[in-house]
Amino acid sequence: MADKRLQVFYTVAKLLSFTKAAESLQMTQPAVTFQIRQLEETFNARLFDRSHNKINLTEAGRRMFEYSEKLFDLYREMESAIREVTGNVSGTLKLGATVAIGDYVLPKFLVAFKKDFPNVNIQLKLSNTTNIASMVENSTIDIGVIDTELDNKMIGTDKITYDEMVAVCSSKHPLAKTPGPIEIKLLITEPLILLEEGSGLHTDFSKYLHQQGISYDKLNILMELGSIEAIKNAVDSGLGISVLPRSTLLKDLEMNRLVALSITPSFNNILSFVYKKQKFQVLNVQELVEFAHKFYNTDEKTFGKVPEENGALPQTQ
């Protein structure tokens, strides 16, 4: 119901960048510019000062920003209040997630959620952690799911420990025959293939190493890649080993393509459900988080228990 042009303006005003706003809204930059021009024509007022590749809000823009923020908050409060009265958990839930979570974690979870809440229409957007945080803060999405923690006072976080981080090697690697967990210090000299900097897993692995008195810079890093599939292919080729969430390896383990080894001290992965802090919370967002706690806490081996034919993700918007 909220005016699309106002949503675009609000995002540009928050980020003070047409480029970043376009990324956050998953629109083209010309489309963002067009929406702003339409809004300026409607009110016959310039909303942004553009000079030297920088933009700033005009006085009219500052006034519009203040009111648009109040309008969006009031709209969400109204929507939530009406649904609480009717007990109707329905409507559209705009969900954002990192690519790894969207590919490996959410499919079975969302299938199970839809079975309990069939009237909730889920729109899923995949992006990196930084963009997910921006989309939450700018109300482009209702809630995000990432695999790390955010240091952002505007964003609330609900953490769920859901997965084990494991060392991964090919079935022909000498470590594949190692019985029981292996110490993290044994991996220091091994050629490693890891996720590139900027990913939540990279950040959390660096923190874990620091806790163990190991500097990330001291690792024997062969490659840093941008996708988990690329890492698994490189490991399968015998180029090196990696550290990944066990949930990303289920099919590979079934096919005996790769071997997963528990690490000691143990290193668990988290899901962080991130949302904008406010006095109220949209009902279907509350239900999603509560359902996630039940889903992952009931059985740590939930992965793989939903039939594959029902495991398709909702359509990405």
Protein backbone atom coordinates (compact mmCIF):
# COMPACT_ATOMS: atom_id res chain seq x y z
CA MET A 1 0.00 0.00 0.00
CA ALA A 2 2.88 2.39 0.70
CA ASP A 3 3.76 4.69 -2.24
CA LYS A 4 6.62 3.12 -4.21
CA ARG A 5 8.08 6.55 -5.00
CA LEU A 6 8.15 7.41 -1.32
CA GLN A 7 9.92 4.13 -0.54
CA VAL A 8 12.54 4.92 -3.17
CA PHE A 9 12.99 8.45 -1.82
CA TYR A 10 13.30 7.16 1.73
CA THR A 11 16.04 4.70 0.73
CA VAL A 12 18.01 7.30 -1.23
CA ALA A 13 17.68 9.75 1.68
CA LYS A 14 18.93 7.16 4.18
CA LEU A 15 21.93 6.16 2.08
CA LEU A 16 22.54 9.52 0.37
CA SER A 17 23.44 7.57 -2.73
CA PHE A 18 21.41 6.69 -5.82
CA THR A 19 23.78 3.81 -6.57
CA LYS A 20 23.54 2.24 -3.10
CA ALA A 21 19.77 2.79 -3.05
CA ALA A 22 19.44 0.99 -6.38
CA GLU A 23 21.43 -1.96 -4.99
CA SER A 24 19.38 -2.04 -1.80
CA LEU A 25 16.06 -1.86 -3.69
CA GLN A 26 17.33 -4.20 -6.43
CA MET A 27 16.41 -1.64 -9.06
CA THR A 28 18.42 0.00 -11.82
CA GLN A 29 19.86 3.42 -11.06
CA PRO A 30 17.88 5.09 -13.91
CA ALA A 31 14.67 3.63 -12.42
CA VAL A 32 15.53 5.11 -9.02
CA THR A 33 16.28 8.50 -10.60
CA PHE A 34 12.98 8.39 -12.50
CA GLN A 35 10.99 7.72 -9.31
CA ILE A 36 12.67 10.66 -7.54
CA ARG A 37 11.99 12.99 -10.46
CA GLN A 38 8.33 12.00 -10.46
CA LEU A 39 8.11 12.73 -6.75
CA GLU A 40 9.80 16.11 -7.21
CA GLU A 41 7.38 16.98 -10.01
CA THR A 42 4.39 15.97 -7.88
CA PHE A 43 5.43 18.32 -5.06
CA ASN A 44 7.08 20.89 -7.34
CA ALA A 45 10.13 20.86 -5.07
CA ARG A 46 13.74 19.73 -5.28
CA LEU A 47 14.39 17.02 -2.72
CA PHE A 48 18.14 16.62 -3.20
CA ASP A 49 21.06 18.92 -3.86
CA ARG A 50 23.36 17.28 -6.38
CA SER A 51 26.89 18.63 -6.70
CA HIS A 52 30.41 17.21 -7.11
CA ASN A 53 29.12 13.63 -7.18
CA LYS A 54 27.54 14.09 -3.74
CA ILE A 55 23.90 14.46 -2.77
CA ASN A 56 22.31 16.08 0.25
CA LEU A 57 18.74 16.60 1.30
CA THR A 58 17.20 20.00 0.69
CA GLU A 59 14.94 21.50 3.35
CA ALA A 60 11.94 20.05 1.50
CA GLY A 61 13.74 16.71 1.35
CA ARG A 62 14.42 16.75 5.09
CA ARG A 63 10.75 17.43 5.82
CA MET A 64 9.68 14.64 3.48
CA PHE A 65 12.15 12.23 5.07
CA GLU A 66 10.79 12.93 8.57
CA TYR A 67 7.21 12.38 7.51
CA SER A 68 7.94 9.35 5.33
CA GLU A 69 9.65 7.64 8.27
CA LYS A 70 6.59 8.28 10.43
CA LEU A 71 4.27 7.08 7.67
CA PHE A 72 6.10 3.78 7.14
CA ASP A 73 6.22 3.08 10.86
CA LEU A 74 2.54 3.93 11.25
CA TYR A 75 1.58 1.76 8.31
CA ARG A 76 3.42 -1.24 9.68
CA GLU A 77 1.88 -0.66 13.11
CA MET A 78 -1.61 -0.49 11.59
CA GLU A 79 -1.03 -3.66 9.57
CA SER A 80 0.23 -5.56 12.60
CA ALA A 81 -2.58 -4.31 14.87
CA ILE A 82 -5.29 -5.40 12.46
CA ARG A 83 -3.78 -8.85 12.04
CA GLU A 84 -3.48 -9.30 15.79
CA VAL A 85 -7.18 -8.47 16.18
CA THR A 86 -8.21 -10.92 13.49
CA GLY A 87 -5.58 -13.52 14.43
CA ASN A 88 -4.83 -13.71 10.73
CA VAL A 89 -1.20 -14.40 9.97
CA SER A 90 -1.19 -13.51 6.29
CA GLY A 91 -0.01 -10.96 3.79
CA THR A 92 3.37 -10.51 2.18
CA LEU A 93 6.56 -11.11 4.14
CA LYS A 94 9.59 -9.55 2.52
CA LEU A 95 12.57 -11.66 3.49
CA GLY A 96 16.22 -11.06 2.66
CA ALA A 97 19.06 -13.56 3.01
CA THR A 98 22.66 -14.08 2.07
CA VAL A 99 23.22 -16.33 -0.93
CA ALA A 100 24.63 -19.24 1.10
CA ILE A 101 21.65 -19.22 3.46
CA GLY A 102 19.22 -18.88 0.58
CA ASP A 103 20.79 -21.79 -1.27
CA TYR A 104 21.34 -24.26 1.57
CA VAL A 105 19.39 -23.32 4.68
CA LEU A 106 16.11 -21.63 3.85
CA PRO A 107 14.47 -23.98 1.31
CA LYS A 108 13.37 -26.68 3.75
CA PHE A 109 12.71 -24.15 6.51
CA LEU A 110 10.41 -22.06 4.30
CA VAL A 111 8.59 -25.14 3.03
CA ALA A 112 7.83 -26.10 6.63
CA PHE A 113 6.83 -22.51 7.50
CA LYS A 114 4.43 -22.35 4.54
CA LYS A 115 2.75 -25.55 5.67
CA ASP A 116 1.87 -23.91 8.99
CA PHE A 117 1.17 -20.45 7.54
CA PRO A 118 -0.16 -20.99 4.00
CA ASN A 119 -1.59 -17.46 3.76
CA VAL A 120 1.78 -15.77 4.11
CA ASN A 121 3.27 -14.85 0.74
CA ILE A 122 7.06 -14.83 1.02
CA GLN A 123 9.15 -12.63 -1.26
CA LEU A 124 12.82 -13.58 -1.01
CA LYS A 125 15.72 -11.35 -2.00
CA LEU A 126 19.29 -12.67 -1.98
CA SER A 127 22.22 -10.34 -1.44
CA ASN A 128 25.32 -9.88 0.68
CA THR A 129 25.33 -9.10 4.40
CA THR A 130 25.90 -5.36 3.93
CA ASN A 131 22.98 -5.00 1.54
CA ILE A 132 20.71 -7.09 3.76
CA ALA A 133 21.47 -4.75 6.67
CA SER A 134 20.69 -1.71 4.49
CA MET A 135 17.43 -3.23 3.29
CA VAL A 136 16.36 -3.89 6.88
CA GLU A 137 17.29 -0.42 8.06
CA ASN A 138 15.50 1.20 5.12
CA SER A 139 12.43 -1.04 5.48
CA THR A 140 12.88 -2.48 1.99
CA ILE A 141 12.50 -5.90 3.60
CA ASP A 142 10.72 -6.91 6.80
CA ILE A 143 13.45 -9.20 8.09
CA GLY A 144 16.83 -10.51 7.02
CA VAL A 145 18.67 -13.77 7.66
CA ILE A 146 22.47 -13.66 7.79
CA ASP A 147 25.20 -15.87 9.22
CA THR A 148 26.99 -13.34 11.39
CA GLU A 149 26.25 -10.60 13.91
CA LEU A 150 25.73 -6.92 13.11
CA ASP A 151 27.00 -3.97 15.08
CA ASN A 152 24.12 -1.65 14.27
CA LYS A 153 22.08 0.10 16.96
CA MET A 154 19.12 0.48 14.60
CA ILE A 155 18.82 -3.26 13.98
CA GLY A 156 17.64 -5.94 16.39
CA THR A 157 19.01 -9.48 16.20
CA ASP A 158 17.59 -12.86 17.17
CA LYS A 159 20.31 -15.52 17.01
CA ILE A 160 19.84 -19.24 16.54
CA THR A 161 22.70 -21.75 16.68
CA TYR A 162 21.77 -24.19 13.96
CA ASP A 163 24.78 -25.80 12.37
CA GLU A 164 28.26 -27.18 12.91
CA MET A 165 31.28 -25.79 11.09
CA VAL A 166 33.45 -28.64 9.81
CA ALA A 167 36.73 -29.20 8.01
CA VAL A 168 36.07 -30.43 4.47
CA CYS A 169 38.40 -32.49 2.32
CA SER A 170 38.16 -34.80 -0.67
CA SER A 171 37.59 -38.50 -0.04
CA LYS A 172 41.16 -39.14 -1.28
CA HIS A 173 42.81 -36.69 1.10
CA PRO A 174 44.92 -38.21 3.94
CA LEU A 175 42.76 -36.42 6.51
CA ALA A 176 39.69 -38.28 5.23
CA LYS A 177 40.79 -41.34 7.23
CA THR A 178 41.25 -39.39 10.46
CA PRO A 179 39.03 -40.83 13.20
CA GLY A 180 37.12 -38.39 15.39
CA PRO A 181 37.46 -34.59 15.57
CA ILE A 182 40.65 -32.85 14.46
CA GLU A 183 42.25 -29.92 16.26
CA ILE A 184 42.00 -26.60 14.50
CA LYS A 185 45.77 -26.16 14.84
CA LEU A 186 46.28 -29.09 12.46
CA LEU A 187 44.72 -27.03 9.67
CA ILE A 188 47.22 -24.18 9.86
CA THR A 189 49.76 -25.79 7.52
CA GLU A 190 47.17 -27.27 5.14
CA PRO A 191 46.45 -25.40 1.89
CA LEU A 192 43.08 -23.77 2.56
CA ILE A 193 40.29 -22.71 0.21
CA LEU A 194 38.02 -20.29 2.02
CA LEU A 195 35.19 -17.86 1.40
CA GLU A 196 36.32 -14.39 0.41
CA GLU A 197 36.42 -11.44 2.80
CA GLY A 198 33.07 -9.72 3.31
CA SER A 199 31.05 -12.87 3.88
CA GLY A 200 29.59 -13.62 7.30
CA LEU A 201 31.34 -16.99 7.41
CA HIS A 202 34.69 -15.35 6.72
CA THR A 203 34.13 -12.87 9.56
CA ASP A 204 33.04 -15.51 12.06
CA PHE A 205 35.88 -17.87 11.14
CA SER A 206 38.39 -15.06 11.69
CA LYS A 207 36.85 -14.38 15.13
CA TYR A 208 36.98 -18.08 16.00
CA LEU A 209 40.65 -18.31 15.04
CA HIS A 210 41.45 -15.23 17.13
CA GLN A 211 39.80 -16.90 20.13
CA GLN A 212 42.11 -19.87 19.61
CA GLY A 213 45.18 -17.64 19.44
CA ILE A 214 45.58 -18.12 15.69
CA SER A 215 46.04 -15.23 13.27
CA TYR A 216 44.09 -15.49 10.01
CA ASP A 217 47.12 -14.05 8.21
CA LYS A 218 49.22 -17.00 9.33
CA LEU A 219 47.04 -19.54 7.52
CA ASN A 220 48.25 -21.22 4.35
CA ILE A 221 45.49 -19.79 2.16
CA LEU A 222 45.59 -21.11 -1.38
CA MET A 223 42.44 -19.35 -2.61
CA GLU A 224 39.55 -17.22 -1.39
CA LEU A 225 36.46 -17.76 -3.53
CA GLY A 226 33.09 -16.09 -3.76
CA SER A 227 30.80 -19.11 -3.62
CA ILE A 228 30.48 -22.29 -1.59
CA GLU A 229 29.96 -24.39 -4.75
CA ALA A 230 33.25 -23.13 -6.17
CA ILE A 231 34.99 -24.01 -2.91
CA LYS A 232 33.52 -27.52 -2.88
CA ASN A 233 34.60 -28.11 -6.48
CA ALA A 234 38.14 -26.99 -5.67
CA VAL A 235 38.27 -29.23 -2.59
CA ASP A 236 36.91 -32.17 -4.59
CA SER A 237 39.70 -31.62 -7.11
CA GLY A 238 42.24 -32.12 -4.34
CA LEU A 239 43.55 -28.54 -4.34
CA GLY A 240 43.12 -28.12 -0.60
CA ILE A 241 40.68 -28.27 2.27
CA SER A 242 38.08 -25.85 3.60
CA VAL A 243 35.90 -25.01 6.60
CA LEU A 244 32.17 -24.87 5.83
CA PRO A 245 28.77 -25.36 7.51
CA ARG A 246 27.76 -29.02 7.52
CA SER A 247 24.36 -28.06 6.04
CA THR A 248 26.07 -27.07 2.77
CA LEU A 249 27.52 -30.56 2.33
CA LEU A 250 24.57 -32.91 2.68
CA LYS A 251 24.40 -34.12 -0.92
CA ASP A 252 28.18 -34.24 -1.24
CA LEU A 253 28.44 -36.43 1.85
CA GLU A 254 25.70 -38.76 0.61
CA MET A 255 27.59 -39.19 -2.66
CA ASN A 256 30.90 -39.75 -0.80
CA ARG A 257 32.29 -36.90 -2.84
CA LEU A 258 33.58 -35.01 0.20
CA VAL A 259 34.39 -35.82 3.81
CA ALA A 260 33.38 -33.64 6.76
CA LEU A 261 35.50 -33.67 9.91
CA SER A 262 34.38 -32.15 13.20
CA ILE A 263 36.72 -29.50 14.59
CA THR A 264 37.89 -29.12 18.15
CA PRO A 265 37.33 -26.76 19.88
CA SER A 266 33.88 -26.92 18.32
CA PHE A 267 32.78 -24.09 16.06
CA ASN A 268 29.06 -23.60 15.48
CA ASN A 269 27.41 -21.46 12.85
CA ILE A 270 24.53 -19.13 13.66
CA LEU A 271 21.52 -17.74 11.91
CA SER A 272 20.90 -14.11 12.75
CA PHE A 273 17.36 -12.94 12.12
CA VAL A 274 17.78 -9.16 11.80
CA TYR A 275 14.98 -6.62 11.87
CA LYS A 276 14.47 -2.92 12.43
CA LYS A 277 14.12 -1.98 16.08
CA GLN A 278 10.74 -0.46 16.87
CA LYS A 279 8.05 -0.48 19.53
CA PHE A 280 5.98 -3.04 17.62
CA GLN A 281 6.75 -5.88 15.27
CA VAL A 282 4.78 -7.09 12.27
CA LEU A 283 2.86 -10.23 13.22
CA ASN A 284 4.13 -12.46 10.44
CA VAL A 285 7.70 -11.46 11.31
CA GLN A 286 7.11 -12.52 14.91
CA GLU A 287 5.67 -15.83 13.74
CA LEU A 288 8.63 -16.45 11.43
CA VAL A 289 11.20 -15.98 14.20
CA GLU A 290 9.22 -18.06 16.71
CA PHE A 291 8.81 -20.80 14.11
CA ALA A 292 12.57 -20.72 13.40
CA HIS A 293 13.36 -21.34 17.07
CA LYS A 294 11.01 -24.34 17.14
CA PHE A 295 12.22 -25.64 13.78
CA TYR A 296 15.92 -25.66 14.63
CA ASN A 297 15.69 -26.48 18.33
CA THR A 298 13.36 -29.46 17.91
CA ASP A 299 15.89 -31.49 15.97
CA GLU A 300 19.37 -30.37 14.97
CA LYS A 301 19.15 -32.78 12.03
CA THR A 302 16.09 -31.14 10.52
CA PHE A 303 17.98 -30.69 7.28
CA GLY A 304 16.92 -33.25 4.73
CA LYS A 305 13.71 -34.31 6.46
CA VAL A 306 11.38 -32.39 4.15
CA PRO A 307 10.83 -34.25 0.86
CA GLU A 308 13.01 -32.83 -1.89
CA GLU A 309 10.10 -32.45 -4.30
CA ASN A 310 8.59 -29.94 -1.88
CA GLY A 311 11.84 -28.11 -1.28
CA ALA A 312 11.60 -25.33 -3.86
CA LEU A 313 12.16 -21.80 -2.66
CA PRO A 314 9.43 -19.17 -3.05
CA GLN A 315 9.98 -17.13 -6.17
CA THR A 316 12.77 -14.59 -5.80
CA GLN A 317 11.54 -11.10 -6.40
